[in-house]
Amino acid sequence: MNQSKETVYIIGESRTNRDNAITVIYNSFYVAFEIDIETDEIKDVGCTHTIDITESFIKKLFVGKNILDFDNLEQEIKRRYHGTSQKAVIVSYKDAIKKYQDVKVKFYI
């Protein structure tokens, strides 16, 4: 299996509800992605969270998927993730896609 050695690190940001513990602690919600630049595959994910299972679950939603497959991933998030920061996860993901596309065009195409 031919794997790229080139990955990039991208962070998507959004706001959550005012009463959400993540907002109280961090002021924003962040999802960080390590992405294979040749295949667009998400290699690793991290996020701001207050309990470990949140990051673990979000990681399972994204790792191994194509960062640019927004429609399918958005539907999977809506179907499976029912935490108070669901909308923030989607907005952060969308923000990360935009940043990723900018980096890819600027440095790799």
N, C-alpha and C. Protein backbone atom coordinates (compact mmCIF):
# COMPACT_ATOMS: atom_id res chain seq x y z
N MET A 1 0.85 -1.17 0.00
CA MET A 1 0.00 0.00 0.00
C MET A 1 0.90 1.25 0.00
N ASN A 2 0.73 2.12 -0.96
CA ASN A 2 1.51 3.34 -1.08
C ASN A 2 0.87 4.45 -0.28
N GLN A 3 1.51 4.84 0.82
CA GLN A 3 0.97 5.91 1.65
C GLN A 3 1.82 7.16 1.53
N SER A 4 1.15 8.29 1.46
CA SER A 4 1.85 9.56 1.43
C SER A 4 2.53 9.81 2.76
N LYS A 5 3.67 10.45 2.70
CA LYS A 5 4.35 10.85 3.93
C LYS A 5 4.02 12.29 4.27
N GLU A 6 3.25 12.94 3.44
CA GLU A 6 2.95 14.35 3.62
C GLU A 6 1.54 14.52 4.20
N THR A 7 1.51 15.03 5.42
CA THR A 7 0.23 15.36 6.03
C THR A 7 0.24 16.83 6.41
N VAL A 8 -0.95 17.39 6.57
CA VAL A 8 -1.09 18.77 7.03
C VAL A 8 -1.98 18.78 8.26
N TYR A 9 -1.80 19.83 9.06
CA TYR A 9 -2.57 20.01 10.29
C TYR A 9 -3.47 21.22 10.10
N ILE A 10 -4.76 21.01 10.27
CA ILE A 10 -5.76 22.05 10.05
C ILE A 10 -6.69 22.10 11.26
N ILE A 11 -7.04 23.31 11.70
CA ILE A 11 -7.99 23.47 12.79
C ILE A 11 -9.22 24.22 12.29
N GLY A 12 -10.39 23.66 12.59
CA GLY A 12 -11.66 24.33 12.34
C GLY A 12 -12.21 24.86 13.65
N GLU A 13 -12.86 26.00 13.60
CA GLU A 13 -13.35 26.65 14.82
C GLU A 13 -14.82 27.01 14.68
N SER A 14 -15.52 27.01 15.81
CA SER A 14 -16.91 27.48 15.87
C SER A 14 -17.25 27.83 17.31
N ARG A 15 -18.42 28.35 17.48
CA ARG A 15 -18.94 28.66 18.82
C ARG A 15 -19.99 27.61 19.19
N THR A 16 -20.16 27.41 20.49
CA THR A 16 -21.22 26.53 20.97
C THR A 16 -22.21 27.36 21.77
N ASN A 17 -23.21 26.70 22.30
CA ASN A 17 -24.19 27.40 23.13
C ASN A 17 -23.50 28.06 24.32
N ARG A 18 -24.02 29.17 24.77
CA ARG A 18 -23.43 29.88 25.91
C ARG A 18 -23.35 29.01 27.16
N ASP A 19 -24.32 28.15 27.36
CA ASP A 19 -24.34 27.32 28.56
C ASP A 19 -23.58 26.00 28.39
N ASN A 20 -22.96 25.80 27.25
CA ASN A 20 -22.19 24.59 27.00
C ASN A 20 -20.88 24.67 27.78
N ALA A 21 -20.50 23.60 28.44
CA ALA A 21 -19.28 23.58 29.26
C ALA A 21 -18.04 23.87 28.42
N ILE A 22 -18.02 23.44 27.17
CA ILE A 22 -16.87 23.71 26.30
C ILE A 22 -16.71 25.21 26.10
N THR A 23 -17.82 25.92 25.89
CA THR A 23 -17.76 27.37 25.72
C THR A 23 -17.31 28.06 27.00
N VAL A 24 -17.80 27.59 28.12
CA VAL A 24 -17.42 28.18 29.41
C VAL A 24 -15.90 28.04 29.63
N ILE A 25 -15.35 26.89 29.30
CA ILE A 25 -13.93 26.63 29.53
C ILE A 25 -13.04 27.22 28.43
N TYR A 26 -13.40 27.00 27.16
CA TYR A 26 -12.51 27.33 26.05
C TYR A 26 -12.95 28.55 25.23
N ASN A 27 -14.17 29.00 25.39
CA ASN A 27 -14.74 30.12 24.64
C ASN A 27 -15.08 29.79 23.19
N SER A 28 -14.57 28.71 22.66
CA SER A 28 -14.85 28.26 21.30
C SER A 28 -14.74 26.74 21.26
N PHE A 29 -15.18 26.18 20.16
CA PHE A 29 -15.03 24.75 19.93
C PHE A 29 -14.07 24.58 18.77
N TYR A 30 -13.07 23.74 18.93
CA TYR A 30 -12.08 23.50 17.89
C TYR A 30 -12.03 22.01 17.56
N VAL A 31 -11.89 21.71 16.27
CA VAL A 31 -11.60 20.36 15.84
C VAL A 31 -10.33 20.45 15.00
N ALA A 32 -9.31 19.68 15.36
CA ALA A 32 -8.05 19.65 14.64
C ALA A 32 -7.96 18.36 13.83
N PHE A 33 -7.50 18.49 12.60
CA PHE A 33 -7.39 17.36 11.69
C PHE A 33 -5.97 17.22 11.18
N GLU A 34 -5.46 15.99 11.15
CA GLU A 34 -4.26 15.68 10.39
C GLU A 34 -4.73 14.97 9.13
N ILE A 35 -4.35 15.52 7.97
CA ILE A 35 -4.90 15.04 6.71
C ILE A 35 -3.78 14.69 5.74
N ASP A 36 -3.92 13.54 5.08
CA ASP A 36 -3.00 13.13 4.02
C ASP A 36 -3.30 14.02 2.81
N ILE A 37 -2.34 14.82 2.40
CA ILE A 37 -2.55 15.81 1.35
C ILE A 37 -2.79 15.18 -0.02
N GLU A 38 -2.28 13.97 -0.24
CA GLU A 38 -2.46 13.31 -1.55
C GLU A 38 -3.82 12.64 -1.68
N THR A 39 -4.34 12.09 -0.59
CA THR A 39 -5.59 11.33 -0.66
C THR A 39 -6.77 12.03 -0.01
N ASP A 40 -6.51 13.12 0.72
CA ASP A 40 -7.53 13.85 1.49
C ASP A 40 -8.09 13.03 2.66
N GLU A 41 -7.41 11.94 3.00
CA GLU A 41 -7.86 11.08 4.10
C GLU A 41 -7.50 11.69 5.45
N ILE A 42 -8.46 11.69 6.35
CA ILE A 42 -8.23 12.16 7.71
C ILE A 42 -7.48 11.07 8.47
N LYS A 43 -6.28 11.42 8.95
CA LYS A 43 -5.43 10.46 9.66
C LYS A 43 -5.64 10.50 11.17
N ASP A 44 -5.91 11.69 11.70
CA ASP A 44 -6.11 11.83 13.13
C ASP A 44 -6.96 13.06 13.40
N VAL A 45 -7.61 13.06 14.56
CA VAL A 45 -8.52 14.15 14.94
C VAL A 45 -8.39 14.39 16.44
N GLY A 46 -8.48 15.65 16.81
CA GLY A 46 -8.55 16.03 18.22
C GLY A 46 -9.53 17.19 18.33
N CYS A 47 -10.09 17.39 19.51
CA CYS A 47 -11.04 18.49 19.68
C CYS A 47 -11.05 18.97 21.12
N THR A 48 -11.55 20.20 21.30
CA THR A 48 -11.76 20.68 22.66
C THR A 48 -12.92 19.87 23.23
N HIS A 49 -12.80 19.50 24.50
CA HIS A 49 -13.84 18.68 25.12
C HIS A 49 -13.72 18.76 26.64
N THR A 50 -14.80 18.38 27.27
CA THR A 50 -14.78 18.35 28.74
C THR A 50 -14.76 16.91 29.26
N ILE A 51 -15.21 15.98 28.45
CA ILE A 51 -15.12 14.56 28.83
C ILE A 51 -14.47 13.80 27.68
N ASP A 52 -13.64 12.84 28.02
CA ASP A 52 -12.82 12.15 27.03
C ASP A 52 -13.62 11.44 25.94
N ILE A 53 -14.78 10.92 26.28
CA ILE A 53 -15.55 10.18 25.28
C ILE A 53 -15.99 11.07 24.12
N THR A 54 -16.11 12.37 24.37
CA THR A 54 -16.47 13.29 23.28
C THR A 54 -15.41 13.25 22.19
N GLU A 55 -14.15 13.43 22.57
CA GLU A 55 -13.08 13.39 21.58
C GLU A 55 -12.96 12.01 20.94
N SER A 56 -13.08 10.98 21.72
CA SER A 56 -13.01 9.62 21.21
C SER A 56 -14.10 9.36 20.17
N PHE A 57 -15.31 9.80 20.45
CA PHE A 57 -16.43 9.58 19.54
C PHE A 57 -16.24 10.38 18.26
N ILE A 58 -15.85 11.65 18.39
CA ILE A 58 -15.63 12.49 17.22
C ILE A 58 -14.52 11.91 16.35
N LYS A 59 -13.49 11.41 16.99
CA LYS A 59 -12.39 10.78 16.25
C LYS A 59 -12.92 9.61 15.42
N LYS A 60 -13.78 8.79 15.99
CA LYS A 60 -14.35 7.65 15.27
C LYS A 60 -15.20 8.09 14.08
N LEU A 61 -15.84 9.24 14.19
CA LEU A 61 -16.65 9.75 13.08
C LEU A 61 -15.79 10.14 11.88
N PHE A 62 -14.59 10.66 12.14
CA PHE A 62 -13.79 11.26 11.08
C PHE A 62 -12.60 10.44 10.58
N VAL A 63 -11.88 9.75 11.45
CA VAL A 63 -10.63 9.09 11.04
C VAL A 63 -10.91 8.05 9.94
N GLY A 64 -10.08 8.12 8.89
CA GLY A 64 -10.20 7.20 7.76
C GLY A 64 -11.12 7.72 6.66
N LYS A 65 -11.81 8.82 6.93
CA LYS A 65 -12.74 9.38 5.94
C LYS A 65 -12.05 10.46 5.11
N ASN A 66 -12.67 10.79 4.00
CA ASN A 66 -12.18 11.86 3.13
C ASN A 66 -12.68 13.19 3.67
N ILE A 67 -11.77 14.10 3.98
CA ILE A 67 -12.14 15.41 4.55
C ILE A 67 -13.12 16.16 3.66
N LEU A 68 -13.08 15.93 2.35
CA LEU A 68 -13.91 16.69 1.41
C LEU A 68 -15.30 16.08 1.20
N ASP A 69 -15.59 14.96 1.84
CA ASP A 69 -16.88 14.28 1.68
C ASP A 69 -17.90 14.89 2.65
N PHE A 70 -18.14 16.18 2.52
CA PHE A 70 -18.95 16.92 3.49
C PHE A 70 -20.36 16.37 3.64
N ASP A 71 -21.06 16.15 2.55
CA ASP A 71 -22.46 15.73 2.64
C ASP A 71 -22.63 14.45 3.46
N ASN A 72 -21.81 13.45 3.16
CA ASN A 72 -21.92 12.18 3.89
C ASN A 72 -21.50 12.32 5.35
N LEU A 73 -20.41 13.04 5.61
CA LEU A 73 -19.97 13.20 6.99
C LEU A 73 -20.94 14.06 7.79
N GLU A 74 -21.48 15.09 7.18
CA GLU A 74 -22.48 15.90 7.89
C GLU A 74 -23.69 15.05 8.29
N GLN A 75 -24.15 14.22 7.38
CA GLN A 75 -25.29 13.36 7.70
C GLN A 75 -24.95 12.35 8.80
N GLU A 76 -23.73 11.83 8.77
CA GLU A 76 -23.32 10.89 9.82
C GLU A 76 -23.26 11.59 11.18
N ILE A 77 -22.74 12.81 11.21
CA ILE A 77 -22.70 13.57 12.46
C ILE A 77 -24.10 13.80 12.98
N LYS A 78 -25.01 14.22 12.12
CA LYS A 78 -26.40 14.48 12.53
C LYS A 78 -27.09 13.22 13.02
N ARG A 79 -26.77 12.10 12.40
CA ARG A 79 -27.41 10.83 12.76
C ARG A 79 -26.85 10.25 14.05
N ARG A 80 -25.54 10.43 14.30
CA ARG A 80 -24.90 9.72 15.40
C ARG A 80 -24.50 10.58 16.59
N TYR A 81 -24.16 11.85 16.36
CA TYR A 81 -23.64 12.69 17.45
C TYR A 81 -24.76 13.58 17.98
N HIS A 82 -25.18 13.33 19.21
CA HIS A 82 -26.31 14.07 19.78
C HIS A 82 -25.90 14.84 21.03
N GLY A 83 -24.64 15.27 21.08
CA GLY A 83 -24.18 16.15 22.15
C GLY A 83 -24.64 17.57 21.89
N THR A 84 -24.53 18.42 22.90
CA THR A 84 -24.99 19.81 22.76
C THR A 84 -24.15 20.60 21.76
N SER A 85 -22.99 20.08 21.40
CA SER A 85 -22.13 20.78 20.45
C SER A 85 -22.22 20.22 19.04
N GLN A 86 -23.31 19.53 18.70
CA GLN A 86 -23.46 18.94 17.37
C GLN A 86 -23.27 19.98 16.26
N LYS A 87 -23.96 21.09 16.39
CA LYS A 87 -23.86 22.14 15.36
C LYS A 87 -22.43 22.68 15.30
N ALA A 88 -21.78 22.83 16.46
CA ALA A 88 -20.41 23.32 16.50
C ALA A 88 -19.45 22.35 15.81
N VAL A 89 -19.68 21.06 15.94
CA VAL A 89 -18.84 20.07 15.26
C VAL A 89 -18.95 20.27 13.75
N ILE A 90 -20.17 20.42 13.25
CA ILE A 90 -20.39 20.60 11.82
C ILE A 90 -19.76 21.90 11.32
N VAL A 91 -19.96 22.99 12.06
CA VAL A 91 -19.41 24.28 11.65
C VAL A 91 -17.87 24.24 11.69
N SER A 92 -17.31 23.63 12.70
CA SER A 92 -15.84 23.50 12.79
C SER A 92 -15.31 22.66 11.64
N TYR A 93 -15.99 21.59 11.32
CA TYR A 93 -15.60 20.73 10.21
C TYR A 93 -15.65 21.52 8.90
N LYS A 94 -16.71 22.26 8.68
CA LYS A 94 -16.85 23.07 7.47
C LYS A 94 -15.74 24.13 7.39
N ASP A 95 -15.42 24.74 8.52
CA ASP A 95 -14.33 25.72 8.57
C ASP A 95 -12.99 25.05 8.24
N ALA A 96 -12.77 23.85 8.73
CA ALA A 96 -11.54 23.12 8.45
C ALA A 96 -11.43 22.78 6.96
N ILE A 97 -12.53 22.41 6.34
CA ILE A 97 -12.51 22.12 4.90
C ILE A 97 -12.05 23.33 4.12
N LYS A 98 -12.60 24.49 4.44
CA LYS A 98 -12.22 25.72 3.75
C LYS A 98 -10.73 25.99 3.91
N LYS A 99 -10.23 25.88 5.12
CA LYS A 99 -8.80 26.11 5.37
C LYS A 99 -7.94 25.07 4.65
N TYR A 100 -8.39 23.83 4.66
CA TYR A 100 -7.65 22.76 3.98
C TYR A 100 -7.57 23.02 2.49
N GLN A 101 -8.67 23.39 1.88
CA GLN A 101 -8.67 23.66 0.45
C GLN A 101 -7.73 24.82 0.11
N ASP A 102 -7.72 25.85 0.95
CA ASP A 102 -6.81 26.98 0.74
C ASP A 102 -5.35 26.54 0.81
N VAL A 103 -5.00 25.72 1.81
CA VAL A 103 -3.63 25.23 1.97
C VAL A 103 -3.25 24.35 0.79
N LYS A 104 -4.15 23.50 0.39
CA LYS A 104 -3.85 22.56 -0.70
C LYS A 104 -3.57 23.32 -1.99
N VAL A 105 -4.38 24.31 -2.30
CA VAL A 105 -4.17 25.12 -3.51
C VAL A 105 -2.88 25.91 -3.42
N LYS A 106 -2.64 26.51 -2.28
CA LYS A 106 -1.48 27.38 -2.12
C LYS A 106 -0.15 26.63 -2.17
N PHE A 107 -0.10 25.46 -1.57
CA PHE A 107 1.18 24.77 -1.42
C PHE A 107 1.34 23.47 -2.20
N TYR A 108 0.25 22.88 -2.67
CA TYR A 108 0.36 21.53 -3.22
C TYR A 108 -0.17 21.36 -4.64
N ILE A 109 -0.82 22.35 -5.18
CA ILE A 109 -1.35 22.20 -6.54
C ILE A 109 -0.64 23.15 -7.47
